[in-house]
Amino acid sequence: MKGLTIKQYAVQNKIPIFNVVKMIKSDQLEFETRKIEGKDEIFILSAKLTPEVKKEGYSREIDYKKAYFELNAKYDALLRKVNGEV
């Protein structure tokens, strides 16, 4: 069965090697240990080559121009209140 080394997997998915090792330790990736030239090498199997990515953040679009003007109005009101202007 074909597999990728830890370094190959990290390069292919553009993530640090340390994160690949963490994913292997937490069983997020299927792997197999093979003896190559007397050393144990870890190969990530092709069954689960891409990790599941969680999308974080807001699900709605933000109108930044509108938000800027609302925040600016609040800021101006606060400045007037602090400076004693009505």
Protein backbone atom coordinates (compact mmCIF):
# COMPACT_ATOMS: atom_id res chain seq x y z
CA MET A 1 0.00 0.00 0.00
CA LYS A 2 1.36 3.41 -0.95
CA GLY A 3 1.90 6.03 1.70
CA LEU A 4 3.60 9.33 2.37
CA THR A 5 6.32 10.05 4.89
CA ILE A 6 5.66 12.66 7.55
CA LYS A 7 7.77 15.22 5.69
CA GLN A 8 6.05 14.55 2.36
CA TYR A 9 2.62 14.88 3.97
CA ALA A 10 3.59 18.14 5.65
CA VAL A 11 4.90 19.63 2.41
CA GLN A 12 1.87 18.47 0.43
CA ASN A 13 -0.62 19.96 2.91
CA LYS A 14 1.53 23.01 3.78
CA ILE A 15 1.56 22.37 7.52
CA PRO A 16 4.46 22.03 9.98
CA ILE A 17 5.95 18.59 10.61
CA PHE A 18 5.24 19.04 14.32
CA ASN A 19 1.50 19.35 13.57
CA VAL A 20 1.59 16.19 11.44
CA VAL A 21 3.18 14.30 14.35
CA LYS A 22 0.48 15.66 16.69
CA MET A 23 -2.21 14.52 14.25
CA ILE A 24 -0.69 11.03 14.14
CA LYS A 25 -0.49 10.83 17.95
CA SER A 26 -4.15 11.91 18.30
CA ASP A 27 -5.29 9.33 15.68
CA GLN A 28 -6.52 11.92 13.19
CA LEU A 29 -4.44 10.25 10.46
CA GLU A 30 -4.12 6.61 9.50
CA PHE A 31 -0.50 5.52 9.52
CA GLU A 32 1.65 2.45 9.32
CA THR A 33 5.15 1.80 10.66
CA ARG A 34 7.57 0.10 8.27
CA LYS A 35 11.19 -0.98 8.72
CA ILE A 36 13.43 0.67 6.16
CA GLU A 37 17.18 0.11 6.37
CA GLY A 38 16.86 -0.95 10.00
CA LYS A 39 14.87 2.13 11.05
CA ASP A 40 11.18 2.41 11.84
CA GLU A 41 9.59 4.84 9.39
CA ILE A 42 6.05 6.14 9.73
CA PHE A 43 4.00 6.29 6.53
CA ILE A 44 0.67 8.04 6.31
CA LEU A 45 -1.76 5.92 4.36
CA SER A 46 -3.63 7.33 1.40
CA ALA A 47 -7.06 6.56 2.85
CA LYS A 48 -7.17 9.80 4.88
CA LEU A 49 -4.70 12.07 3.15
CA THR A 50 -6.35 15.38 3.94
CA PRO A 51 -7.21 16.36 7.51
CA GLU A 52 -10.67 17.60 8.37
CA VAL A 53 -10.57 21.37 8.61
CA LYS A 54 -12.93 23.14 10.95
CA LYS A 55 -14.21 26.45 9.71
CA GLU A 56 -14.24 29.02 12.43
CA GLY A 57 -15.63 32.50 12.45
CA TYR A 58 -18.81 34.22 11.48
CA SER A 59 -21.20 32.72 8.99
CA ARG A 60 -22.58 36.11 7.90
CA GLU A 61 -20.95 38.79 5.83
CA ILE A 62 -19.92 42.02 7.54
CA ASP A 63 -20.49 45.41 5.93
CA TYR A 64 -17.29 47.08 7.09
CA LYS A 65 -18.19 50.52 5.76
CA LYS A 66 -21.46 50.56 7.72
CA ALA A 67 -19.75 49.22 10.84
CA TYR A 68 -17.06 51.91 10.55
CA PHE A 69 -19.57 54.75 10.42
CA GLU A 70 -21.57 53.31 13.35
CA LEU A 71 -18.43 52.98 15.45
CA ASN A 72 -17.23 56.45 14.44
CA ALA A 73 -20.59 57.96 15.49
CA LYS A 74 -20.33 56.25 18.89
CA TYR A 75 -16.76 57.50 19.25
CA ASP A 76 -17.75 61.09 18.43
CA ALA A 77 -20.65 60.92 20.91
CA LEU A 78 -18.29 59.64 23.61
CA LEU A 79 -15.77 62.42 22.90
CA ARG A 80 -18.51 65.05 23.16
CA LYS A 81 -19.68 63.52 26.46
CA VAL A 82 -16.14 63.45 27.93
CA ASN A 83 -15.31 66.98 26.80
CA GLY A 84 -18.55 68.36 28.26
CA GLU A 85 -20.12 69.25 24.95
CA VAL A 86 -23.75 68.38 24.42
